[in-house]
Amino acid sequence: MPSIVIPAHNEERTLGRLLTGLLHGTAEDEFDVLVVCNGCTDATASVAAAHGPRVRVVETPVPSKHHALRLGDAHARGFPRIYVDADVELGAADARELAAVLAGPDPVLAAAPERHLPMTGCTWPVRAYYRVWQRLPAVRDGLFGRGVIAVSGAGHARIAALPPLMADDLAASLAFTERERAVVRTARVVVRPPRTWPDLIRRRVRAATSTAQLEQEQKESKVEGPAAHATARTGTADLRALLRADPALLPALLVFLTAALVARRAARRAIKSRDFETWLRDDSSRQD
């Protein structure tokens, strides 16, 4: 039985739509669904419990995603194991596709679904930014930025050895070589982007800070295996290649570079002080 582990911190507005999609049309014993409510001060646990006995709820006062994931592992019953952020949307059919790839005749160690970013309600700079971001090779082929990562037993052993990191999905993606991981094009997750420029910048500051933390851990040899030297940073060659392929992308590319510059500058203080705990949350993507 595949286990689905959902860490949730104050996600009463989003968790219900995720659980409804995951449970729709499934047998009672098809998935082991576990919601780990960490440091919640809202009704997240009640929302999870309202979906009945097919959803197990574990609560902890510690507001930490890493702690929630490890606590989820301690209670999960099987493999493949699918980790799902509480603010995305993943259907039962998509979870089946991920589990099948990990348990098939030529299995990979880790997999993630194709991402869909609905742009309704987003301002034009946000739409411009994601026009570029979604085309980047590392973004297309990496497992990060999807809110879902599925692993086999062997894959789980690989990521369980990683230190606590803010960029947990990036680190998990880089922990596997290209041959060991796969983006499953027949599975889809809905990831709601930020709607406004300030919310986009908050996300990008968090990304810049967490990437810097991962690179520091790599230098200090706390990260082993394929992730020890791997990177998903965007290079100028990647951007030039996008522009050559589509010159009309230039205005969006300028927006992308502006966001990257602003976020990098804003992240300097946190990086300098090694503040890798402050989570800059984007609430605009959690609106109905």
C-alpha atoms as a PDB file:
ATOM      1  CA  MET A   1       0.000   0.000   0.000  1.00  0.00           C
ATOM      2  CA  PRO A   2       1.548   3.342  -1.012  1.00  0.00           C
ATOM      3  CA  SER A   3       1.766   5.869   1.803  1.00  0.00           C
ATOM      4  CA  ILE A   4       0.944   9.523   1.160  1.00  0.00           C
ATOM      5  CA  VAL A   5       2.498  11.870   3.726  1.00  0.00           C
ATOM      6  CA  ILE A   6       1.139  15.427   3.855  1.00  0.00           C
ATOM      7  CA  PRO A   7       2.939  17.915   6.133  1.00  0.00           C
ATOM      8  CA  ALA A   8       0.531  20.769   6.889  1.00  0.00           C
ATOM      9  CA  HIS A   9       1.097  24.027   8.778  1.00  0.00           C
ATOM     10  CA  ASN A  10      -2.046  26.208   9.034  1.00  0.00           C
ATOM     11  CA  GLU A  11      -3.525  24.893   5.778  1.00  0.00           C
ATOM     12  CA  GLU A  12      -7.230  24.819   6.654  1.00  0.00           C
ATOM     13  CA  ARG A  13      -8.032  26.719   3.433  1.00  0.00           C
ATOM     14  CA  THR A  14      -6.203  24.352   1.070  1.00  0.00           C
ATOM     15  CA  LEU A  15      -6.042  20.907   2.653  1.00  0.00           C
ATOM     16  CA  GLY A  16      -9.654  19.998   1.943  1.00  0.00           C
ATOM     17  CA  ARG A  17      -9.365  20.319  -1.829  1.00  0.00           C
ATOM     18  CA  LEU A  18      -6.209  18.171  -1.827  1.00  0.00           C
ATOM     19  CA  LEU A  19      -7.745  15.387   0.264  1.00  0.00           C
ATOM     20  CA  THR A  20     -10.964  15.416  -1.762  1.00  0.00           C
ATOM     21  CA  GLY A  21      -8.987  14.826  -4.957  1.00  0.00           C
ATOM     22  CA  LEU A  22      -6.755  12.156  -3.446  1.00  0.00           C
ATOM     23  CA  LEU A  23      -9.635  10.155  -2.013  1.00  0.00           C
ATOM     24  CA  HIS A  24     -12.106  10.461  -4.869  1.00  0.00           C
ATOM     25  CA  GLY A  25     -12.842   7.076  -6.443  1.00  0.00           C
ATOM     26  CA  THR A  26     -10.374   5.150  -4.283  1.00  0.00           C
ATOM     27  CA  ALA A  27     -10.875   1.971  -2.288  1.00  0.00           C
ATOM     28  CA  GLU A  28     -10.545   2.217   1.473  1.00  0.00           C
ATOM     29  CA  ASP A  29      -7.280   0.284   1.477  1.00  0.00           C
ATOM     30  CA  GLU A  30      -5.738   1.745  -1.700  1.00  0.00           C
ATOM     31  CA  PHE A  31      -3.651   4.500  -0.071  1.00  0.00           C
ATOM     32  CA  ASP A  32      -2.323   5.072   3.422  1.00  0.00           C
ATOM     33  CA  VAL A  33      -2.988   8.819   3.787  1.00  0.00           C
ATOM     34  CA  LEU A  34      -1.317  10.598   6.679  1.00  0.00           C
ATOM     35  CA  VAL A  35      -1.641  14.319   7.484  1.00  0.00           C
ATOM     36  CA  VAL A  36       1.006  15.673   9.855  1.00  0.00           C
ATOM     37  CA  CYS A  37      -0.255  18.913  11.380  1.00  0.00           C
ATOM     38  CA  ASN A  38       2.819  20.762  12.586  1.00  0.00           C
ATOM     39  CA  GLY A  39       2.543  23.841  14.791  1.00  0.00           C
ATOM     40  CA  CYS A  40      -0.994  24.553  13.587  1.00  0.00           C
ATOM     41  CA  THR A  41      -3.059  27.294  15.214  1.00  0.00           C
ATOM     42  CA  ASP A  42      -6.058  26.907  12.901  1.00  0.00           C
ATOM     43  CA  ALA A  43      -8.492  24.114  11.999  1.00  0.00           C
ATOM     44  CA  THR A  44      -6.124  22.097   9.807  1.00  0.00           C
ATOM     45  CA  ALA A  45      -6.451  18.965  11.966  1.00  0.00           C
ATOM     46  CA  SER A  46     -10.249  19.223  11.967  1.00  0.00           C
ATOM     47  CA  VAL A  47     -10.345  19.572   8.180  1.00  0.00           C
ATOM     48  CA  ALA A  48      -8.222  16.435   7.839  1.00  0.00           C
ATOM     49  CA  ALA A  49     -10.266  14.455  10.363  1.00  0.00           C
ATOM     50  CA  ALA A  50     -13.510  15.408   8.588  1.00  0.00           C
ATOM     51  CA  HIS A  51     -12.473  13.187   5.660  1.00  0.00           C
ATOM     52  CA  GLY A  52     -13.035  10.094   7.748  1.00  0.00           C
ATOM     53  CA  PRO A  53     -10.993   7.066   8.787  1.00  0.00           C
ATOM     54  CA  ARG A  54      -9.082   6.836   5.504  1.00  0.00           C
ATOM     55  CA  VAL A  55      -7.084   9.891   6.637  1.00  0.00           C
ATOM     56  CA  ARG A  56      -4.891   9.480   9.694  1.00  0.00           C
ATOM     57  CA  VAL A  57      -3.982  12.668  11.550  1.00  0.00           C
ATOM     58  CA  VAL A  58      -0.811  13.179  13.553  1.00  0.00           C
ATOM     59  CA  GLU A  59      -0.275  16.435  15.434  1.00  0.00           C
ATOM     60  CA  THR A  60       2.931  18.005  16.712  1.00  0.00           C
ATOM     61  CA  PRO A  61       3.478  21.428  18.289  1.00  0.00           C
ATOM     62  CA  VAL A  62       6.747  21.814  16.381  1.00  0.00           C
ATOM     63  CA  PRO A  63       6.232  24.141  13.344  1.00  0.00           C
ATOM     64  CA  SER A  64       8.804  22.439  11.129  1.00  0.00           C
ATOM     65  CA  LYS A  65       8.284  20.781   7.767  1.00  0.00           C
ATOM     66  CA  HIS A  66      11.405  18.638   8.181  1.00  0.00           C
ATOM     67  CA  HIS A  67      10.206  17.429  11.581  1.00  0.00           C
ATOM     68  CA  ALA A  68       6.748  16.756  10.122  1.00  0.00           C
ATOM     69  CA  LEU A  69       8.197  14.689   7.272  1.00  0.00           C
ATOM     70  CA  ARG A  70      10.267  12.563   9.646  1.00  0.00           C
ATOM     71  CA  LEU A  71       7.269  12.146  11.962  1.00  0.00           C
ATOM     72  CA  GLY A  72       5.224  11.118   8.957  1.00  0.00           C
ATOM     73  CA  ASP A  73       7.848   8.527   8.074  1.00  0.00           C
ATOM     74  CA  ALA A  74       7.614   7.125  11.592  1.00  0.00           C
ATOM     75  CA  HIS A  75       3.859   6.563  11.164  1.00  0.00           C
ATOM     76  CA  ALA A  76       3.683   5.675   7.458  1.00  0.00           C
ATOM     77  CA  ARG A  77       2.910   2.078   6.625  1.00  0.00           C
ATOM     78  CA  GLY A  78       4.274   1.394   3.177  1.00  0.00           C
ATOM     79  CA  PHE A  79       6.094   2.160  -0.061  1.00  0.00           C
ATOM     80  CA  PRO A  80       6.171   3.729  -2.523  1.00  0.00           C
ATOM     81  CA  ARG A  81       5.969   6.857  -0.371  1.00  0.00           C
ATOM     82  CA  ILE A  82       4.515  10.049  -1.787  1.00  0.00           C
ATOM     83  CA  TYR A  83       5.186  13.359  -0.049  1.00  0.00           C
ATOM     84  CA  VAL A  84       2.626  16.029  -0.913  1.00  0.00           C
ATOM     85  CA  ASP A  85       2.509  19.678   0.145  1.00  0.00           C
ATOM     86  CA  ALA A  86      -0.879  20.605   1.583  1.00  0.00           C
ATOM     87  CA  ASP A  87      -1.388  23.597  -0.734  1.00  0.00           C
ATOM     88  CA  VAL A  88      -1.265  21.714  -4.062  1.00  0.00           C
ATOM     89  CA  GLU A  89      -3.868  19.567  -5.818  1.00  0.00           C
ATOM     90  CA  LEU A  90      -3.144  15.948  -6.728  1.00  0.00           C
ATOM     91  CA  GLY A  91      -5.740  13.415  -7.825  1.00  0.00           C
ATOM     92  CA  ALA A  92      -5.939   9.713  -7.045  1.00  0.00           C
ATOM     93  CA  ALA A  93      -5.143   8.803 -10.671  1.00  0.00           C
ATOM     94  CA  ASP A  94      -1.995  10.913 -10.513  1.00  0.00           C
ATOM     95  CA  ALA A  95      -0.875   9.230  -7.298  1.00  0.00           C
ATOM     96  CA  ARG A  96      -1.425   5.850  -8.962  1.00  0.00           C
ATOM     97  CA  GLU A  97       0.752   6.860 -11.910  1.00  0.00           C
ATOM     98  CA  LEU A  98       3.588   7.884  -9.589  1.00  0.00           C
ATOM     99  CA  ALA A  99       3.362   4.654  -7.602  1.00  0.00           C
ATOM    100  CA  ALA A 100       3.353   2.588 -10.804  1.00  0.00           C
ATOM    101  CA  VAL A 101       6.537   4.193 -12.121  1.00  0.00           C
ATOM    102  CA  LEU A 102       8.341   3.447  -8.856  1.00  0.00           C
ATOM    103  CA  ALA A 103       7.156  -0.160  -8.739  1.00  0.00           C
ATOM    104  CA  GLY A 104       7.311  -1.016 -12.450  1.00  0.00           C
ATOM    105  CA  PRO A 105       9.602  -3.425 -14.291  1.00  0.00           C
ATOM    106  CA  ASP A 106      12.242  -0.703 -14.837  1.00  0.00           C
ATOM    107  CA  PRO A 107      11.731   1.440 -11.750  1.00  0.00           C
ATOM    108  CA  VAL A 108      13.370   4.738 -10.890  1.00  0.00           C
ATOM    109  CA  LEU A 109      14.118   5.769  -7.306  1.00  0.00           C
ATOM    110  CA  ALA A 110      12.171   9.024  -7.306  1.00  0.00           C
ATOM    111  CA  ALA A 111       9.419  10.604  -9.365  1.00  0.00           C
ATOM    112  CA  ALA A 112       7.218  13.681  -9.543  1.00  0.00           C
ATOM    113  CA  PRO A 113       4.224  14.713 -11.659  1.00  0.00           C
ATOM    114  CA  GLU A 114       4.042  17.289 -14.418  1.00  0.00           C
ATOM    115  CA  ARG A 115       3.174  20.673 -12.914  1.00  0.00           C
ATOM    116  CA  HIS A 116       0.300  22.907 -13.964  1.00  0.00           C
ATOM    117  CA  LEU A 117       0.410  26.560 -12.908  1.00  0.00           C
ATOM    118  CA  PRO A 118      -2.992  28.258 -13.318  1.00  0.00           C
ATOM    119  CA  MET A 119      -2.362  31.941 -14.001  1.00  0.00           C
ATOM    120  CA  THR A 120      -5.905  33.187 -13.461  1.00  0.00           C
ATOM    121  CA  GLY A 121      -5.818  36.197 -11.146  1.00  0.00           C
ATOM    122  CA  CYS A 122      -2.050  36.684 -11.447  1.00  0.00           C
ATOM    123  CA  THR A 123      -0.673  40.097 -12.345  1.00  0.00           C
ATOM    124  CA  TRP A 124       1.200  40.449 -15.634  1.00  0.00           C
ATOM    125  CA  PRO A 125       4.711  40.542 -14.050  1.00  0.00           C
ATOM    126  CA  VAL A 126       3.971  37.240 -12.326  1.00  0.00           C
ATOM    127  CA  ARG A 127       2.750  35.713 -15.577  1.00  0.00           C
ATOM    128  CA  ALA A 128       5.844  37.041 -17.363  1.00  0.00           C
ATOM    129  CA  TYR A 129       8.167  35.580 -14.718  1.00  0.00           C
ATOM    130  CA  TYR A 130       6.658  32.113 -15.010  1.00  0.00           C
ATOM    131  CA  ARG A 131       6.750  32.195 -18.803  1.00  0.00           C
ATOM    132  CA  VAL A 132      10.519  32.078 -18.439  1.00  0.00           C
ATOM    133  CA  TRP A 133      10.796  29.966 -15.282  1.00  0.00           C
ATOM    134  CA  GLN A 134       8.771  27.059 -16.663  1.00  0.00           C
ATOM    135  CA  ARG A 135      11.019  26.814 -19.732  1.00  0.00           C
ATOM    136  CA  LEU A 136      14.303  26.506 -17.847  1.00  0.00           C
ATOM    137  CA  PRO A 137      15.885  23.043 -18.331  1.00  0.00           C
ATOM    138  CA  ALA A 138      16.445  22.474 -14.600  1.00  0.00           C
ATOM    139  CA  VAL A 139      12.848  23.426 -13.865  1.00  0.00           C
ATOM    140  CA  ARG A 140      11.453  21.194 -16.614  1.00  0.00           C
ATOM    141  CA  ASP A 141      13.478  18.144 -15.619  1.00  0.00           C
ATOM    142  CA  GLY A 142      13.935  18.553 -11.857  1.00  0.00           C
ATOM    143  CA  LEU A 143      11.578  17.184  -9.237  1.00  0.00           C
ATOM    144  CA  PHE A 144      11.468  20.433  -7.256  1.00  0.00           C
ATOM    145  CA  GLY A 145       8.838  23.164  -7.423  1.00  0.00           C
ATOM    146  CA  ARG A 146       6.005  20.647  -7.803  1.00  0.00           C
ATOM    147  CA  GLY A 147       4.953  20.107  -4.209  1.00  0.00           C
ATOM    148  CA  VAL A 148       5.073  16.338  -4.762  1.00  0.00           C
ATOM    149  CA  ILE A 149       7.948  13.869  -4.610  1.00  0.00           C
ATOM    150  CA  ALA A 150       7.444  10.099  -4.634  1.00  0.00           C
ATOM    151  CA  VAL A 151      10.190   7.644  -3.677  1.00  0.00           C
ATOM    152  CA  SER A 152      10.739   3.922  -3.544  1.00  0.00           C
ATOM    153  CA  GLY A 153      12.201   2.254  -0.476  1.00  0.00           C
ATOM    154  CA  ALA A 154      15.718   2.702  -1.839  1.00  0.00           C
ATOM    155  CA  GLY A 155      14.943   6.281  -2.814  1.00  0.00           C
ATOM    156  CA  HIS A 156      13.665   7.000   0.661  1.00  0.00           C
ATOM    157  CA  ALA A 157      16.912   5.779   2.180  1.00  0.00           C
ATOM    158  CA  ARG A 158      18.724   8.310  -0.011  1.00  0.00           C
ATOM    159  CA  ILE A 159      16.700  11.370   1.060  1.00  0.00           C
ATOM    160  CA  ALA A 160      16.387  10.285   4.697  1.00  0.00           C
ATOM    161  CA  ALA A 161      20.133  10.826   5.002  1.00  0.00           C
ATOM    162  CA  LEU A 162      19.868  14.496   4.006  1.00  0.00           C
ATOM    163  CA  PRO A 163      20.257  17.150   6.733  1.00  0.00           C
ATOM    164  CA  PRO A 164      17.351  19.473   7.595  1.00  0.00           C
ATOM    165  CA  LEU A 165      17.125  21.985   4.738  1.00  0.00           C
ATOM    166  CA  MET A 166      14.701  24.739   3.806  1.00  0.00           C
ATOM    167  CA  ALA A 167      14.972  23.672   0.155  1.00  0.00           C
ATOM    168  CA  ASP A 168      13.926  20.111   0.943  1.00  0.00           C
ATOM    169  CA  ASP A 169      12.393  19.469  -2.492  1.00  0.00           C
ATOM    170  CA  LEU A 170      15.447  20.844  -4.313  1.00  0.00           C
ATOM    171  CA  ALA A 171      17.802  18.756  -2.186  1.00  0.00           C
ATOM    172  CA  ALA A 172      15.653  15.675  -2.755  1.00  0.00           C
ATOM    173  CA  SER A 173      15.662  16.260  -6.509  1.00  0.00           C
ATOM    174  CA  LEU A 174      19.435  16.711  -6.628  1.00  0.00           C
ATOM    175  CA  ALA A 175      19.943  13.578  -4.520  1.00  0.00           C
ATOM    176  CA  PHE A 176      19.204  11.501  -7.627  1.00  0.00           C
ATOM    177  CA  THR A 177      20.922  11.384 -10.985  1.00  0.00           C
ATOM    178  CA  GLU A 178      18.905  11.978 -14.146  1.00  0.00           C
ATOM    179  CA  ARG A 179      18.645   8.205 -14.678  1.00  0.00           C
ATOM    180  CA  GLU A 180      17.417   7.645 -11.121  1.00  0.00           C
ATOM    181  CA  ARG A 181      14.569  10.165 -11.237  1.00  0.00           C
ATOM    182  CA  ALA A 182      11.669  10.850 -13.583  1.00  0.00           C
ATOM    183  CA  VAL A 183       9.020  13.460 -14.238  1.00  0.00           C
ATOM    184  CA  VAL A 184       5.885  11.431 -14.974  1.00  0.00           C
ATOM    185  CA  ARG A 185       4.138  13.238 -17.834  1.00  0.00           C
ATOM    186  CA  THR A 186       0.930  11.234 -17.372  1.00  0.00           C
ATOM    187  CA  ALA A 187       0.506  12.552 -13.827  1.00  0.00           C
ATOM    188  CA  ARG A 188      -0.322  16.180 -13.020  1.00  0.00           C
ATOM    189  CA  VAL A 189      -0.211  18.387  -9.953  1.00  0.00           C
ATOM    190  CA  VAL A 190      -1.802  21.825  -9.743  1.00  0.00           C
ATOM    191  CA  VAL A 191       0.569  24.309  -8.111  1.00  0.00           C
ATOM    192  CA  ARG A 192      -0.997  27.701  -7.525  1.00  0.00           C
ATOM    193  CA  PRO A 193       1.509  30.504  -8.167  1.00  0.00           C
ATOM    194  CA  PRO A 194       1.622  33.788  -6.242  1.00  0.00           C
ATOM    195  CA  ARG A 195      -0.772  36.364  -7.627  1.00  0.00           C
ATOM    196  CA  THR A 196       1.138  39.579  -6.956  1.00  0.00           C
ATOM    197  CA  TRP A 197       4.673  40.868  -7.431  1.00  0.00           C
ATOM    198  CA  PRO A 198       5.374  41.218  -3.652  1.00  0.00           C
ATOM    199  CA  ASP A 199       4.238  37.627  -3.077  1.00  0.00           C
ATOM    200  CA  LEU A 200       6.408  36.431  -5.961  1.00  0.00           C
ATOM    201  CA  ILE A 201       9.404  38.205  -4.454  1.00  0.00           C
ATOM    202  CA  ARG A 202       8.731  36.588  -1.081  1.00  0.00           C
ATOM    203  CA  ARG A 203       8.847  33.187  -2.751  1.00  0.00           C
ATOM    204  CA  ARG A 204      12.011  34.045  -4.645  1.00  0.00           C
ATOM    205  CA  VAL A 205      13.731  35.375  -1.502  1.00  0.00           C
ATOM    206  CA  ARG A 206      12.918  32.088   0.187  1.00  0.00           C
ATOM    207  CA  ALA A 207      14.282  30.193  -2.820  1.00  0.00           C
ATOM    208  CA  ALA A 208      17.495  32.246  -2.894  1.00  0.00           C
ATOM    209  CA  THR A 209      18.006  31.779   0.844  1.00  0.00           C
ATOM    210  CA  SER A 210      17.333  28.055   0.758  1.00  0.00           C
ATOM    211  CA  THR A 211      19.600  27.530  -2.247  1.00  0.00           C
ATOM    212  CA  ALA A 212      22.407  29.322  -0.405  1.00  0.00           C
ATOM    213  CA  GLN A 213      21.840  27.056   2.596  1.00  0.00           C
ATOM    214  CA  LEU A 214      22.088  23.955   0.421  1.00  0.00           C
ATOM    215  CA  GLU A 215      25.319  25.203  -1.144  1.00  0.00           C
ATOM    216  CA  GLN A 216      26.800  25.894   2.299  1.00  0.00           C
ATOM    217  CA  GLU A 217      25.883  22.380   3.397  1.00  0.00           C
ATOM    218  CA  GLN A 218      27.561  21.023   0.258  1.00  0.00           C
ATOM    219  CA  LYS A 219      30.764  22.954   1.007  1.00  0.00           C
ATOM    220  CA  GLU A 220      30.779  21.694   4.580  1.00  0.00           C
ATOM    221  CA  SER A 221      30.342  18.119   3.279  1.00  0.00           C
ATOM    222  CA  LYS A 222      27.068  17.585   5.119  1.00  0.00           C
ATOM    223  CA  VAL A 223      25.390  16.540   1.879  1.00  0.00           C
ATOM    224  CA  GLU A 224      26.584  13.297   0.331  1.00  0.00           C
ATOM    225  CA  GLY A 225      25.881  11.285  -2.817  1.00  0.00           C
ATOM    226  CA  PRO A 226      24.843  12.853  -6.150  1.00  0.00           C
ATOM    227  CA  ALA A 227      23.635  15.995  -4.336  1.00  0.00           C
ATOM    228  CA  ALA A 228      27.083  16.747  -2.934  1.00  0.00           C
ATOM    229  CA  HIS A 229      28.056  18.849  -5.959  1.00  0.00           C
ATOM    230  CA  ALA A 230      24.842  19.119  -7.959  1.00  0.00           C
ATOM    231  CA  THR A 231      23.151  22.434  -8.639  1.00  0.00           C
ATOM    232  CA  ALA A 232      19.974  23.720 -10.240  1.00  0.00           C
ATOM    233  CA  ARG A 233      21.080  27.332 -10.599  1.00  0.00           C
ATOM    234  CA  THR A 234      20.126  29.085 -13.802  1.00  0.00           C
ATOM    235  CA  GLY A 235      23.090  30.125 -15.917  1.00  0.00           C
ATOM    236  CA  THR A 236      23.317  32.892 -18.495  1.00  0.00           C
ATOM    237  CA  ALA A 237      23.732  30.218 -21.173  1.00  0.00           C
ATOM    238  CA  ASP A 238      20.271  28.862 -20.315  1.00  0.00           C
ATOM    239  CA  LEU A 239      18.707  32.306 -20.663  1.00  0.00           C
ATOM    240  CA  ARG A 240      20.508  33.027 -23.940  1.00  0.00           C
ATOM    241  CA  ALA A 241      19.285  29.715 -25.330  1.00  0.00           C
ATOM    242  CA  LEU A 242      15.688  30.578 -24.432  1.00  0.00           C
ATOM    243  CA  LEU A 243      16.004  33.958 -26.115  1.00  0.00           C
ATOM    244  CA  ARG A 244      17.511  32.485 -29.271  1.00  0.00           C
ATOM    245  CA  ALA A 245      14.666  29.976 -29.469  1.00  0.00           C
ATOM    246  CA  ASP A 246      12.005  32.658 -28.876  1.00  0.00           C
ATOM    247  CA  PRO A 247      13.096  36.310 -29.270  1.00  0.00           C
ATOM    248  CA  ALA A 248       9.586  37.441 -28.283  1.00  0.00           C
ATOM    249  CA  LEU A 249      10.447  36.241 -24.786  1.00  0.00           C
ATOM    250  CA  LEU A 250      12.688  39.281 -24.173  1.00  0.00           C
ATOM    251  CA  PRO A 251      10.192  41.372 -22.104  1.00  0.00           C
ATOM    252  CA  ALA A 252       9.413  38.380 -19.889  1.00  0.00           C
ATOM    253  CA  LEU A 253      13.116  37.639 -19.563  1.00  0.00           C
ATOM    254  CA  LEU A 254      13.734  41.173 -18.271  1.00  0.00           C
ATOM    255  CA  VAL A 255      11.022  40.658 -15.657  1.00  0.00           C
ATOM    256  CA  PHE A 256      12.603  37.337 -14.689  1.00  0.00           C
ATOM    257  CA  LEU A 257      16.041  38.919 -14.260  1.00  0.00           C
ATOM    258  CA  THR A 258      14.587  41.786 -12.221  1.00  0.00           C
ATOM    259  CA  ALA A 259      12.857  39.362  -9.856  1.00  0.00           C
ATOM    260  CA  ALA A 260      16.038  37.327  -9.488  1.00  0.00           C
ATOM    261  CA  LEU A 261      18.115  40.430  -8.712  1.00  0.00           C
ATOM    262  CA  VAL A 262      15.635  41.857  -6.209  1.00  0.00           C
ATOM    263  CA  ALA A 263      15.264  38.509  -4.444  1.00  0.00           C
ATOM    264  CA  ARG A 264      19.005  37.912  -4.287  1.00  0.00           C
ATOM    265  CA  ARG A 265      19.604  41.306  -2.701  1.00  0.00           C
ATOM    266  CA  ALA A 266      16.772  40.814  -0.216  1.00  0.00           C
ATOM    267  CA  ALA A 267      18.127  37.400   0.773  1.00  0.00           C
ATOM    268  CA  ARG A 268      21.623  38.674   1.630  1.00  0.00           C
ATOM    269  CA  ARG A 269      20.824  39.543   5.240  1.00  0.00           C
ATOM    270  CA  ALA A 270      19.310  36.135   5.988  1.00  0.00           C
ATOM    271  CA  ILE A 271      22.192  34.357   4.270  1.00  0.00           C
ATOM    272  CA  LYS A 272      24.804  36.406   6.106  1.00  0.00           C
ATOM    273  CA  SER A 273      23.199  35.709   9.480  1.00  0.00           C
ATOM    274  CA  ARG A 274      22.528  32.077   8.480  1.00  0.00           C
ATOM    275  CA  ASP A 275      18.823  32.544   9.113  1.00  0.00           C
ATOM    276  CA  PHE A 276      17.458  29.454   7.413  1.00  0.00           C
ATOM    277  CA  GLU A 277      14.419  29.155   9.656  1.00  0.00           C
ATOM    278  CA  THR A 278      12.280  32.168   8.684  1.00  0.00           C
ATOM    279  CA  TRP A 279       9.688  30.961   6.170  1.00  0.00           C
ATOM    280  CA  LEU A 280       8.367  33.744   3.934  1.00  0.00           C
ATOM    281  CA  ARG A 281       4.867  32.506   3.215  1.00  0.00           C
ATOM    282  CA  ASP A 282       2.833  33.487   0.170  1.00  0.00           C
ATOM    283  CA  ASP A 283      -0.831  33.649   1.158  1.00  0.00           C
ATOM    284  CA  SER A 284      -2.092  35.000  -2.161  1.00  0.00           C
ATOM    285  CA  SER A 285      -1.817  31.535  -3.735  1.00  0.00           C
ATOM    286  CA  ARG A 286      -4.023  30.162  -0.950  1.00  0.00           C
ATOM    287  CA  GLN A 287      -6.969  32.359  -1.862  1.00  0.00           C
ATOM    288  CA  ASP A 288     -10.040  30.727  -3.345  1.00  0.00           C
END
